[in-house]
Amino acid sequence: MQLFTSLQSFFDPFLLFLSADPLLRMMQGGLLFVGFVVIFLVFFVTRDILLRTHSFWYTAFCIVLTALLPGVGFLLYLLIRPARTIREREQEKLVQSLSAKLLGSKARSSK
């Protein structure tokens, strides 16, 4: 019991912004949760779009779209984002060039 009262006295200053009304406190908790989700979505889109393009305007548009319309904007972002990352595109070009060299050398050696 002593531990509970000491913890309660420790957290009292941090919980002053919460309402005493349970319904209002649940609404405040829900808004806090929604705020965390929006922040997560904006950070996720920022990280993802930076891995997929070098275009500043496209990057800014996607971030603003997600920040202004969190749920719908994120779904729209998933529709308009580039299919592959920059690294995947570079790796595909490298594989294609290496396979072209190998196939070219095999074609020359078979003649």
PDB file of N, CA and C in Angstrom:
ATOM      1  N   MET A   1       0.834  -1.191   0.000  1.00  0.00           N
ATOM      2  CA  MET A   1       0.000   0.000   0.000  1.00  0.00           C
ATOM      3  C   MET A   1       0.872   1.246   0.000  1.00  0.00           C
ATOM      4  N   GLN A   2       1.979   1.180   0.696  1.00  0.00           N
ATOM      5  CA  GLN A   2       2.903   2.310   0.747  1.00  0.00           C
ATOM      6  C   GLN A   2       3.461   2.614  -0.636  1.00  0.00           C
ATOM      7  N   LEU A   3       3.750   1.564  -1.405  1.00  0.00           N
ATOM      8  CA  LEU A   3       4.279   1.725  -2.757  1.00  0.00           C
ATOM      9  C   LEU A   3       3.263   2.414  -3.657  1.00  0.00           C
ATOM     10  N   PHE A   4       2.003   2.013  -3.551  1.00  0.00           N
ATOM     11  CA  PHE A   4       0.956   2.610  -4.375  1.00  0.00           C
ATOM     12  C   PHE A   4       0.802   4.104  -4.092  1.00  0.00           C
ATOM     13  N   THR A   5       0.804   4.482  -2.834  1.00  0.00           N
ATOM     14  CA  THR A   5       0.654   5.903  -2.495  1.00  0.00           C
ATOM     15  C   THR A   5       1.872   6.710  -2.934  1.00  0.00           C
ATOM     16  N   SER A   6       3.059   6.114  -2.839  1.00  0.00           N
ATOM     17  CA  SER A   6       4.248   6.847  -3.282  1.00  0.00           C
ATOM     18  C   SER A   6       4.255   6.997  -4.805  1.00  0.00           C
ATOM     19  N   LEU A   7       3.799   5.950  -5.529  1.00  0.00           N
ATOM     20  CA  LEU A   7       3.693   6.061  -6.986  1.00  0.00           C
ATOM     21  C   LEU A   7       2.639   7.089  -7.385  1.00  0.00           C
ATOM     22  N   GLN A   8       1.529   7.090  -6.663  1.00  0.00           N
ATOM     23  CA  GLN A   8       0.468   8.052  -6.962  1.00  0.00           C
ATOM     24  C   GLN A   8       0.963   9.480  -6.726  1.00  0.00           C
ATOM     25  N   SER A   9       1.690   9.698  -5.669  1.00  0.00           N
ATOM     26  CA  SER A   9       2.201  11.043  -5.401  1.00  0.00           C
ATOM     27  C   SER A   9       3.268  11.430  -6.428  1.00  0.00           C
ATOM     28  N   PHE A  10       3.980  10.433  -6.954  1.00  0.00           N
ATOM     29  CA  PHE A  10       4.977  10.724  -7.982  1.00  0.00           C
ATOM     30  C   PHE A  10       4.316  11.142  -9.297  1.00  0.00           C
ATOM     31  N   PHE A  11       3.237  10.444  -9.696  1.00  0.00           N
ATOM     32  CA  PHE A  11       2.596  10.714 -10.975  1.00  0.00           C
ATOM     33  C   PHE A  11       1.567  11.832 -10.940  1.00  0.00           C
ATOM     34  N   ASP A  12       1.214  12.343  -9.778  1.00  0.00           N
ATOM     35  CA  ASP A  12       0.210  13.406  -9.683  1.00  0.00           C
ATOM     36  C   ASP A  12       0.545  14.635 -10.524  1.00  0.00           C
ATOM     37  N   PRO A  13       1.749  15.149 -10.512  1.00  0.00           N
ATOM     38  CA  PRO A  13       2.020  16.341 -11.343  1.00  0.00           C
ATOM     39  C   PRO A  13       1.884  16.067 -12.847  1.00  0.00           C
ATOM     40  N   PHE A  14       2.169  14.831 -13.263  1.00  0.00           N
ATOM     41  CA  PHE A  14       2.083  14.503 -14.679  1.00  0.00           C
ATOM     42  C   PHE A  14       0.640  14.292 -15.140  1.00  0.00           C
ATOM     43  N   LEU A  15      -0.239  13.965 -14.221  1.00  0.00           N
ATOM     44  CA  LEU A  15      -1.627  13.675 -14.563  1.00  0.00           C
ATOM     45  C   LEU A  15      -2.561  14.844 -14.318  1.00  0.00           C
ATOM     46  N   LEU A  16      -2.031  16.018 -14.037  1.00  0.00           N
ATOM     47  CA  LEU A  16      -2.876  17.174 -13.766  1.00  0.00           C
ATOM     48  C   LEU A  16      -3.683  17.612 -14.977  1.00  0.00           C
ATOM     49  N   PHE A  17      -3.170  17.359 -16.182  1.00  0.00           N
ATOM     50  CA  PHE A  17      -3.887  17.796 -17.369  1.00  0.00           C
ATOM     51  C   PHE A  17      -5.084  16.900 -17.678  1.00  0.00           C
ATOM     52  N   LEU A  18      -5.169  15.727 -17.062  1.00  0.00           N
ATOM     53  CA  LEU A  18      -6.301  14.836 -17.295  1.00  0.00           C
ATOM     54  C   LEU A  18      -7.497  15.277 -16.463  1.00  0.00           C
ATOM     55  N   SER A  19      -8.671  15.087 -17.019  1.00  0.00           N
ATOM     56  CA  SER A  19      -9.903  15.480 -16.357  1.00  0.00           C
ATOM     57  C   SER A  19     -10.252  14.487 -15.246  1.00  0.00           C
ATOM     58  N   ALA A  20     -11.026  14.943 -14.304  1.00  0.00           N
ATOM     59  CA  ALA A  20     -11.501  14.059 -13.242  1.00  0.00           C
ATOM     60  C   ALA A  20     -12.675  13.224 -13.731  1.00  0.00           C
ATOM     61  N   ASP A  21     -13.386  13.706 -14.742  1.00  0.00           N
ATOM     62  CA  ASP A  21     -14.519  12.983 -15.318  1.00  0.00           C
ATOM     63  C   ASP A  21     -14.007  11.802 -16.148  1.00  0.00           C
ATOM     64  N   PRO A  22     -14.460  10.567 -15.854  1.00  0.00           N
ATOM     65  CA  PRO A  22     -13.934   9.398 -16.572  1.00  0.00           C
ATOM     66  C   PRO A  22     -14.207   9.434 -18.081  1.00  0.00           C
ATOM     67  N   LEU A  23     -15.362   9.914 -18.492  1.00  0.00           N
ATOM     68  CA  LEU A  23     -15.684   9.975 -19.918  1.00  0.00           C
ATOM     69  C   LEU A  23     -14.766  10.957 -20.641  1.00  0.00           C
ATOM     70  N   LEU A  24     -14.563  12.097 -20.034  1.00  0.00           N
ATOM     71  CA  LEU A  24     -13.670  13.092 -20.621  1.00  0.00           C
ATOM     72  C   LEU A  24     -12.228  12.593 -20.615  1.00  0.00           C
ATOM     73  N   ARG A  25     -11.847  11.848 -19.586  1.00  0.00           N
ATOM     74  CA  ARG A  25     -10.500  11.279 -19.516  1.00  0.00           C
ATOM     75  C   ARG A  25     -10.293  10.246 -20.631  1.00  0.00           C
ATOM     76  N   MET A  26     -11.340   9.452 -20.935  1.00  0.00           N
ATOM     77  CA  MET A  26     -11.245   8.493 -22.038  1.00  0.00           C
ATOM     78  C   MET A  26     -11.104   9.228 -23.374  1.00  0.00           C
ATOM     79  N   MET A  27     -11.817  10.323 -23.531  1.00  0.00           N
ATOM     80  CA  MET A  27     -11.695  11.099 -24.767  1.00  0.00           C
ATOM     81  C   MET A  27     -10.302  11.698 -24.895  1.00  0.00           C
ATOM     82  N   GLN A  28      -9.754  12.160 -23.786  1.00  0.00           N
ATOM     83  CA  GLN A  28      -8.393  12.689 -23.810  1.00  0.00           C
ATOM     84  C   GLN A  28      -7.391  11.594 -24.156  1.00  0.00           C
ATOM     85  N   GLY A  29      -7.579  10.413 -23.610  1.00  0.00           N
ATOM     86  CA  GLY A  29      -6.705   9.287 -23.940  1.00  0.00           C
ATOM     87  C   GLY A  29      -6.820   8.901 -25.402  1.00  0.00           C
ATOM     88  N   GLY A  30      -8.048   8.924 -25.932  1.00  0.00           N
ATOM     89  CA  GLY A  30      -8.249   8.617 -27.350  1.00  0.00           C
ATOM     90  C   GLY A  30      -7.582   9.635 -28.250  1.00  0.00           C
ATOM     91  N   LEU A  31      -7.688  10.910 -27.905  1.00  0.00           N
ATOM     92  CA  LEU A  31      -7.025  11.955 -28.694  1.00  0.00           C
ATOM     93  C   LEU A  31      -5.512  11.818 -28.625  1.00  0.00           C
ATOM     94  N   LEU A  32      -5.008  11.444 -27.465  1.00  0.00           N
ATOM     95  CA  LEU A  32      -3.572  11.214 -27.328  1.00  0.00           C
ATOM     96  C   LEU A  32      -3.124  10.047 -28.205  1.00  0.00           C
ATOM     97  N   PHE A  33      -3.915   8.989 -28.242  1.00  0.00           N
ATOM     98  CA  PHE A  33      -3.611   7.841 -29.090  1.00  0.00           C
ATOM     99  C   PHE A  33      -3.641   8.225 -30.562  1.00  0.00           C
ATOM    100  N   VAL A  34      -4.650   8.964 -30.970  1.00  0.00           N
ATOM    101  CA  VAL A  34      -4.754   9.409 -32.363  1.00  0.00           C
ATOM    102  C   VAL A  34      -3.561  10.291 -32.724  1.00  0.00           C
ATOM    103  N   GLY A  35      -3.149  11.144 -31.808  1.00  0.00           N
ATOM    104  CA  GLY A  35      -1.974  11.984 -32.045  1.00  0.00           C
ATOM    105  C   GLY A  35      -0.713  11.163 -32.268  1.00  0.00           C
ATOM    106  N   PHE A  36      -0.528  10.121 -31.468  1.00  0.00           N
ATOM    107  CA  PHE A  36       0.631   9.243 -31.645  1.00  0.00           C
ATOM    108  C   PHE A  36       0.579   8.516 -32.981  1.00  0.00           C
ATOM    109  N   VAL A  37      -0.622   8.091 -33.384  1.00  0.00           N
ATOM    110  CA  VAL A  37      -0.762   7.401 -34.672  1.00  0.00           C
ATOM    111  C   VAL A  37      -0.424   8.338 -35.820  1.00  0.00           C
ATOM    112  N   VAL A  38      -0.892   9.574 -35.752  1.00  0.00           N
ATOM    113  CA  VAL A  38      -0.604  10.552 -36.810  1.00  0.00           C
ATOM    114  C   VAL A  38       0.892  10.817 -36.889  1.00  0.00           C
ATOM    115  N   ILE A  39       1.532  10.999 -35.750  1.00  0.00           N
ATOM    116  CA  ILE A  39       2.977  11.226 -35.738  1.00  0.00           C
ATOM    117  C   ILE A  39       3.713  10.020 -36.308  1.00  0.00           C
ATOM    118  N   PHE A  40       3.279   8.811 -35.956  1.00  0.00           N
ATOM    119  CA  PHE A  40       3.891   7.596 -36.495  1.00  0.00           C
ATOM    120  C   PHE A  40       3.743   7.546 -38.013  1.00  0.00           C
ATOM    121  N   LEU A  41       2.542   7.847 -38.519  1.00  0.00           N
ATOM    122  CA  LEU A  41       2.316   7.796 -39.959  1.00  0.00           C
ATOM    123  C   LEU A  41       3.187   8.806 -40.700  1.00  0.00           C
ATOM    124  N   VAL A  42       3.308   9.997 -40.162  1.00  0.00           N
ATOM    125  CA  VAL A  42       4.140  11.020 -40.815  1.00  0.00           C
ATOM    126  C   VAL A  42       5.604  10.587 -40.826  1.00  0.00           C
ATOM    127  N   PHE A  43       6.101  10.050 -39.714  1.00  0.00           N
ATOM    128  CA  PHE A  43       7.488   9.584 -39.689  1.00  0.00           C
ATOM    129  C   PHE A  43       7.696   8.388 -40.612  1.00  0.00           C
ATOM    130  N   PHE A  44       6.706   7.484 -40.677  1.00  0.00           N
ATOM    131  CA  PHE A  44       6.823   6.327 -41.555  1.00  0.00           C
ATOM    132  C   PHE A  44       6.886   6.778 -43.017  1.00  0.00           C
ATOM    133  N   VAL A  45       5.990   7.687 -43.391  1.00  0.00           N
ATOM    134  CA  VAL A  45       5.968   8.169 -44.778  1.00  0.00           C
ATOM    135  C   VAL A  45       7.255   8.911 -45.095  1.00  0.00           C
ATOM    136  N   THR A  46       7.751   9.708 -44.170  1.00  0.00           N
ATOM    137  CA  THR A  46       8.992  10.448 -44.401  1.00  0.00           C
ATOM    138  C   THR A  46      10.150   9.485 -44.659  1.00  0.00           C
ATOM    139  N   ARG A  47      10.282   8.484 -43.828  1.00  0.00           N
ATOM    140  CA  ARG A  47      11.366   7.514 -44.004  1.00  0.00           C
ATOM    141  C   ARG A  47      11.198   6.747 -45.306  1.00  0.00           C
ATOM    142  N   ASP A  48       9.991   6.314 -45.594  1.00  0.00           N
ATOM    143  CA  ASP A  48       9.746   5.496 -46.770  1.00  0.00           C
ATOM    144  C   ASP A  48       9.955   6.278 -48.062  1.00  0.00           C
ATOM    145  N   ILE A  49       9.476   7.507 -48.122  1.00  0.00           N
ATOM    146  CA  ILE A  49       9.600   8.275 -49.370  1.00  0.00           C
ATOM    147  C   ILE A  49      11.047   8.703 -49.597  1.00  0.00           C
ATOM    148  N   LEU A  50      11.802   8.922 -48.535  1.00  0.00           N
ATOM    149  CA  LEU A  50      13.215   9.258 -48.708  1.00  0.00           C
ATOM    150  C   LEU A  50      14.010   8.083 -49.269  1.00  0.00           C
ATOM    151  N   LEU A  51      13.553   6.857 -49.000  1.00  0.00           N
ATOM    152  CA  LEU A  51      14.205   5.679 -49.558  1.00  0.00           C
ATOM    153  C   LEU A  51      13.803   5.418 -51.006  1.00  0.00           C
ATOM    154  N   ARG A  52      12.717   6.050 -51.470  1.00  0.00           N
ATOM    155  CA  ARG A  52      12.167   5.732 -52.781  1.00  0.00           C
ATOM    156  C   ARG A  52      12.404   6.785 -53.852  1.00  0.00           C
ATOM    157  N   THR A  53      12.719   8.018 -53.491  1.00  0.00           N
ATOM    158  CA  THR A  53      12.905   9.055 -54.508  1.00  0.00           C
ATOM    159  C   THR A  53      13.870  10.126 -54.019  1.00  0.00           C
ATOM    160  N   HIS A  54      14.447  10.833 -54.998  1.00  0.00           N
ATOM    161  CA  HIS A  54      15.313  11.976 -54.691  1.00  0.00           C
ATOM    162  C   HIS A  54      14.585  13.299 -54.903  1.00  0.00           C
ATOM    163  N   SER A  55      13.353  13.256 -55.405  1.00  0.00           N
ATOM    164  CA  SER A  55      12.607  14.466 -55.728  1.00  0.00           C
ATOM    165  C   SER A  55      12.124  15.155 -54.460  1.00  0.00           C
ATOM    166  N   PHE A  56      12.552  16.406 -54.266  1.00  0.00           N
ATOM    167  CA  PHE A  56      12.139  17.167 -53.089  1.00  0.00           C
ATOM    168  C   PHE A  56      10.641  17.434 -53.104  1.00  0.00           C
ATOM    169  N   TRP A  57      10.107  17.818 -54.245  1.00  0.00           N
ATOM    170  CA  TRP A  57       8.689  18.197 -54.326  1.00  0.00           C
ATOM    171  C   TRP A  57       7.783  16.988 -54.112  1.00  0.00           C
ATOM    172  N   TYR A  58       8.154  15.865 -54.658  1.00  0.00           N
ATOM    173  CA  TYR A  58       7.370  14.638 -54.454  1.00  0.00           C
ATOM    174  C   TYR A  58       7.408  14.221 -52.987  1.00  0.00           C
ATOM    175  N   THR A  59       8.576  14.338 -52.386  1.00  0.00           N
ATOM    176  CA  THR A  59       8.732  14.016 -50.969  1.00  0.00           C
ATOM    177  C   THR A  59       7.882  14.942 -50.109  1.00  0.00           C
ATOM    178  N   ALA A  60       7.977  16.243 -50.373  1.00  0.00           N
ATOM    179  CA  ALA A  60       7.210  17.218 -49.590  1.00  0.00           C
ATOM    180  C   ALA A  60       5.715  17.001 -49.764  1.00  0.00           C
ATOM    181  N   PHE A  61       5.281  16.714 -50.989  1.00  0.00           N
ATOM    182  CA  PHE A  61       3.859  16.483 -51.245  1.00  0.00           C
ATOM    183  C   PHE A  61       3.350  15.282 -50.451  1.00  0.00           C
ATOM    184  N   CYS A  62       4.101  14.200 -50.448  1.00  0.00           N
ATOM    185  CA  CYS A  62       3.673  12.996 -49.734  1.00  0.00           C
ATOM    186  C   CYS A  62       3.613  13.226 -48.227  1.00  0.00           C
ATOM    187  N   ILE A  63       4.568  13.935 -47.686  1.00  0.00           N
ATOM    188  CA  ILE A  63       4.582  14.201 -46.243  1.00  0.00           C
ATOM    189  C   ILE A  63       3.425  15.108 -45.857  1.00  0.00           C
ATOM    190  N   VAL A  64       3.196  16.162 -46.638  1.00  0.00           N
ATOM    191  CA  VAL A  64       2.098  17.090 -46.342  1.00  0.00           C
ATOM    192  C   VAL A  64       0.754  16.388 -46.502  1.00  0.00           C
ATOM    193  N   LEU A  65       0.626  15.555 -47.516  1.00  0.00           N
ATOM    194  CA  LEU A  65      -0.612  14.799 -47.730  1.00  0.00           C
ATOM    195  C   LEU A  65      -0.924  13.931 -46.524  1.00  0.00           C
ATOM    196  N   THR A  66       0.068  13.258 -46.002  1.00  0.00           N
ATOM    197  CA  THR A  66      -0.142  12.390 -44.845  1.00  0.00           C
ATOM    198  C   THR A  66      -0.390  13.198 -43.577  1.00  0.00           C
ATOM    199  N   ALA A  67       0.253  14.347 -43.448  1.00  0.00           N
ATOM    200  CA  ALA A  67       0.072  15.160 -42.239  1.00  0.00           C
ATOM    201  C   ALA A  67      -1.299  15.823 -42.210  1.00  0.00           C
ATOM    202  N   LEU A  68      -1.794  16.265 -43.368  1.00  0.00           N
ATOM    203  CA  LEU A  68      -3.078  16.966 -43.394  1.00  0.00           C
ATOM    204  C   LEU A  68      -4.274  16.016 -43.382  1.00  0.00           C
ATOM    205  N   LEU A  69      -4.140  14.877 -44.036  1.00  0.00           N
ATOM    206  CA  LEU A  69      -5.215  13.873 -44.079  1.00  0.00           C
ATOM    207  C   LEU A  69      -4.652  12.543 -43.582  1.00  0.00           C
ATOM    208  N   PRO A  70      -4.488  12.376 -42.277  1.00  0.00           N
ATOM    209  CA  PRO A  70      -3.714  11.243 -41.769  1.00  0.00           C
ATOM    210  C   PRO A  70      -4.141   9.870 -42.291  1.00  0.00           C
ATOM    211  N   GLY A  71      -5.370   9.472 -42.139  1.00  0.00           N
ATOM    212  CA  GLY A  71      -5.771   8.136 -42.569  1.00  0.00           C
ATOM    213  C   GLY A  71      -5.864   8.016 -44.068  1.00  0.00           C
ATOM    214  N   VAL A  72      -6.648   8.894 -44.673  1.00  0.00           N
ATOM    215  CA  VAL A  72      -6.853   8.863 -46.121  1.00  0.00           C
ATOM    216  C   VAL A  72      -5.558   9.226 -46.846  1.00  0.00           C
ATOM    217  N   GLY A  73      -4.828  10.194 -46.331  1.00  0.00           N
ATOM    218  CA  GLY A  73      -3.569  10.592 -46.952  1.00  0.00           C
ATOM    219  C   GLY A  73      -2.554   9.475 -46.965  1.00  0.00           C
ATOM    220  N   PHE A  74      -2.513   8.689 -45.889  1.00  0.00           N
ATOM    221  CA  PHE A  74      -1.587   7.561 -45.848  1.00  0.00           C
ATOM    222  C   PHE A  74      -1.978   6.511 -46.883  1.00  0.00           C
ATOM    223  N   LEU A  75      -3.268   6.235 -47.016  1.00  0.00           N
ATOM    224  CA  LEU A  75      -3.711   5.267 -48.015  1.00  0.00           C
ATOM    225  C   LEU A  75      -3.430   5.772 -49.426  1.00  0.00           C
ATOM    226  N   LEU A  76      -3.640   7.069 -49.659  1.00  0.00           N
ATOM    227  CA  LEU A  76      -3.299   7.640 -50.962  1.00  0.00           C
ATOM    228  C   LEU A  76      -1.797   7.555 -51.224  1.00  0.00           C
ATOM    229  N   TYR A  77      -1.007   7.795 -50.187  1.00  0.00           N
ATOM    230  CA  TYR A  77       0.442   7.675 -50.338  1.00  0.00           C
ATOM    231  C   TYR A  77       0.834   6.266 -50.766  1.00  0.00           C
ATOM    232  N   LEU A  78       0.205   5.263 -50.152  1.00  0.00           N
ATOM    233  CA  LEU A  78       0.515   3.874 -50.521  1.00  0.00           C
ATOM    234  C   LEU A  78       0.183   3.598 -51.982  1.00  0.00           C
ATOM    235  N   LEU A  79      -0.804   4.322 -52.533  1.00  0.00           N
ATOM    236  CA  LEU A  79      -1.162   4.136 -53.938  1.00  0.00           C
ATOM    237  C   LEU A  79      -0.202   4.845 -54.893  1.00  0.00           C
ATOM    238  N   ILE A  80       0.320   6.011 -54.498  1.00  0.00           N
ATOM    239  CA  ILE A  80       1.116   6.813 -55.434  1.00  0.00           C
ATOM    240  C   ILE A  80       2.620   6.673 -55.245  1.00  0.00           C
ATOM    241  N   ARG A  81       3.055   5.979 -54.225  1.00  0.00           N
ATOM    242  CA  ARG A  81       4.499   5.875 -53.991  1.00  0.00           C
ATOM    243  C   ARG A  81       5.153   5.011 -55.065  1.00  0.00           C
ATOM    244  N   PRO A  82       6.433   5.242 -55.324  1.00  0.00           N
ATOM    245  CA  PRO A  82       7.155   4.379 -56.273  1.00  0.00           C
ATOM    246  C   PRO A  82       7.184   2.936 -55.771  1.00  0.00           C
ATOM    247  N   ALA A  83       7.106   2.018 -56.713  1.00  0.00           N
ATOM    248  CA  ALA A  83       6.997   0.605 -56.346  1.00  0.00           C
ATOM    249  C   ALA A  83       8.261   0.080 -55.670  1.00  0.00           C
ATOM    250  N   ARG A  84       9.420   0.569 -56.108  1.00  0.00           N
ATOM    251  CA  ARG A  84      10.676   0.044 -55.569  1.00  0.00           C
ATOM    252  C   ARG A  84      11.519   1.185 -55.001  1.00  0.00           C
ATOM    253  N   THR A  85      12.410   0.813 -54.098  1.00  0.00           N
ATOM    254  CA  THR A  85      13.304   1.814 -53.524  1.00  0.00           C
ATOM    255  C   THR A  85      14.423   2.124 -54.513  1.00  0.00           C
ATOM    256  N   ILE A  86      15.161   3.165 -54.225  1.00  0.00           N
ATOM    257  CA  ILE A  86      16.284   3.562 -55.066  1.00  0.00           C
ATOM    258  C   ILE A  86      17.313   2.440 -55.117  1.00  0.00           C
ATOM    259  N   ARG A  87      17.594   1.843 -53.985  1.00  0.00           N
ATOM    260  CA  ARG A  87      18.576   0.760 -53.918  1.00  0.00           C
ATOM    261  C   ARG A  87      18.120  -0.444 -54.752  1.00  0.00           C
ATOM    262  N   GLU A  88      16.845  -0.776 -54.708  1.00  0.00           N
ATOM    263  CA  GLU A  88      16.337  -1.895 -55.501  1.00  0.00           C
ATOM    264  C   GLU A  88      16.464  -1.620 -57.002  1.00  0.00           C
ATOM    265  N   ARG A  89      16.180  -0.381 -57.410  1.00  0.00           N
ATOM    266  CA  ARG A  89      16.313  -0.028 -58.832  1.00  0.00           C
ATOM    267  C   ARG A  89      17.768  -0.091 -59.273  1.00  0.00           C
ATOM    268  N   GLU A  90      18.688   0.409 -58.442  1.00  0.00           N
ATOM    269  CA  GLU A  90      20.110   0.348 -58.787  1.00  0.00           C
ATOM    270  C   GLU A  90      20.595  -1.097 -58.849  1.00  0.00           C
ATOM    271  N   GLN A  91      20.123  -1.910 -57.937  1.00  0.00           N
ATOM    272  CA  GLN A  91      20.517  -3.310 -57.921  1.00  0.00           C
ATOM    273  C   GLN A  91      19.993  -4.030 -59.172  1.00  0.00           C
ATOM    274  N   GLU A  92      18.777  -3.707 -59.592  1.00  0.00           N
ATOM    275  CA  GLU A  92      18.228  -4.319 -60.801  1.00  0.00           C
ATOM    276  C   GLU A  92      19.030  -3.911 -62.039  1.00  0.00           C
ATOM    277  N   LYS A  93      19.429  -2.639 -62.111  1.00  0.00           N
ATOM    278  CA  LYS A  93      20.265  -2.192 -63.240  1.00  0.00           C
ATOM    279  C   LYS A  93      21.597  -2.934 -63.256  1.00  0.00           C
ATOM    280  N   LEU A  94      22.184  -3.109 -62.083  1.00  0.00           N
ATOM    281  CA  LEU A  94      23.457  -3.819 -61.994  1.00  0.00           C
ATOM    282  C   LEU A  94      23.310  -5.272 -62.436  1.00  0.00           C
ATOM    283  N   VAL A  95      22.256  -5.930 -62.004  1.00  0.00           N
ATOM    284  CA  VAL A  95      22.019  -7.320 -62.395  1.00  0.00           C
ATOM    285  C   VAL A  95      21.791  -7.419 -63.893  1.00  0.00           C
ATOM    286  N   GLN A  96      21.041  -6.469 -64.449  1.00  0.00           N
ATOM    287  CA  GLN A  96      20.801  -6.493 -65.894  1.00  0.00           C
ATOM    288  C   GLN A  96      22.099  -6.282 -66.676  1.00  0.00           C
ATOM    289  N   SER A  97      22.920  -5.354 -66.227  1.00  0.00           N
ATOM    290  CA  SER A  97      24.174  -5.116 -66.941  1.00  0.00           C
ATOM    291  C   SER A  97      25.111  -6.325 -66.826  1.00  0.00           C
ATOM    292  N   LEU A  98      25.178  -6.933 -65.662  1.00  0.00           N
ATOM    293  CA  LEU A  98      26.017  -8.125 -65.499  1.00  0.00           C
ATOM    294  C   LEU A  98      25.496  -9.297 -66.326  1.00  0.00           C
ATOM    295  N   SER A  99      24.184  -9.473 -66.355  1.00  0.00           N
ATOM    296  CA  SER A  99      23.645 -10.569 -67.160  1.00  0.00           C
ATOM    297  C   SER A  99      23.838 -10.306 -68.644  1.00  0.00           C
ATOM    298  N   ALA A 100      23.761  -9.048 -69.067  1.00  0.00           N
ATOM    299  CA  ALA A 100      24.013  -8.723 -70.469  1.00  0.00           C
ATOM    300  C   ALA A 100      25.468  -9.011 -70.821  1.00  0.00           C
ATOM    301  N   LYS A 101      26.391  -8.698 -69.925  1.00  0.00           N
ATOM    302  CA  LYS A 101      27.805  -8.995 -70.172  1.00  0.00           C
ATOM    303  C   LYS A 101      28.045 -10.497 -70.243  1.00  0.00           C
ATOM    304  N   LEU A 102      27.438 -11.236 -69.318  1.00  0.00           N
ATOM    305  CA  LEU A 102      27.613 -12.688 -69.323  1.00  0.00           C
ATOM    306  C   LEU A 102      27.005 -13.315 -70.566  1.00  0.00           C
ATOM    307  N   LEU A 103      25.811 -12.886 -70.917  1.00  0.00           N
ATOM    308  CA  LEU A 103      25.175 -13.443 -72.112  1.00  0.00           C
ATOM    309  C   LEU A 103      25.919 -13.029 -73.378  1.00  0.00           C
ATOM    310  N   GLY A 104      26.447 -11.814 -73.375  1.00  0.00           N
ATOM    311  CA  GLY A 104      27.230 -11.356 -74.517  1.00  0.00           C
ATOM    312  C   GLY A 104      28.493 -12.147 -74.669  1.00  0.00           C
ATOM    313  N   SER A 105      29.169 -12.437 -73.571  1.00  0.00           N
ATOM    314  CA  SER A 105      30.418 -13.212 -73.647  1.00  0.00           C
ATOM    315  C   SER A 105      30.140 -14.675 -74.025  1.00  0.00           C
ATOM    316  N   LYS A 106      29.024 -15.239 -73.594  1.00  0.00           N
ATOM    317  CA  LYS A 106      28.671 -16.587 -73.971  1.00  0.00           C
ATOM    318  C   LYS A 106      28.318 -16.663 -75.447  1.00  0.00           C
ATOM    319  N   ALA A 107      27.633 -15.634 -75.938  1.00  0.00           N
ATOM    320  CA  ALA A 107      27.256 -15.633 -77.362  1.00  0.00           C
ATOM    321  C   ALA A 107      28.502 -15.528 -78.234  1.00  0.00           C
ATOM    322  N   ARG A 108      29.462 -14.724 -77.792  1.00  0.00           N
ATOM    323  CA  ARG A 108      30.703 -14.575 -78.564  1.00  0.00           C
ATOM    324  C   ARG A 108      31.544 -15.856 -78.525  1.00  0.00           C
ATOM    325  N   SER A 109      31.551 -16.527 -77.369  1.00  0.00           N
ATOM    326  CA  SER A 109      32.355 -17.734 -77.245  1.00  0.00           C
ATOM    327  C   SER A 109      31.739 -18.916 -78.005  1.00  0.00           C
ATOM    328  N   SER A 110      30.433 -18.912 -78.187  1.00  0.00           N
ATOM    329  CA  SER A 110      29.789 -20.028 -78.892  1.00  0.00           C
ATOM    330  C   SER A 110      29.911 -19.899 -80.398  1.00  0.00           C
ATOM    331  N   LYS A 111      30.253 -18.729 -80.929  1.00  0.00           N
ATOM    332  CA  LYS A 111      30.367 -18.535 -82.387  1.00  0.00           C
ATOM    333  C   LYS A 111      31.625 -19.084 -82.909  1.00  0.00           C
TER     334      LYS A 111
END
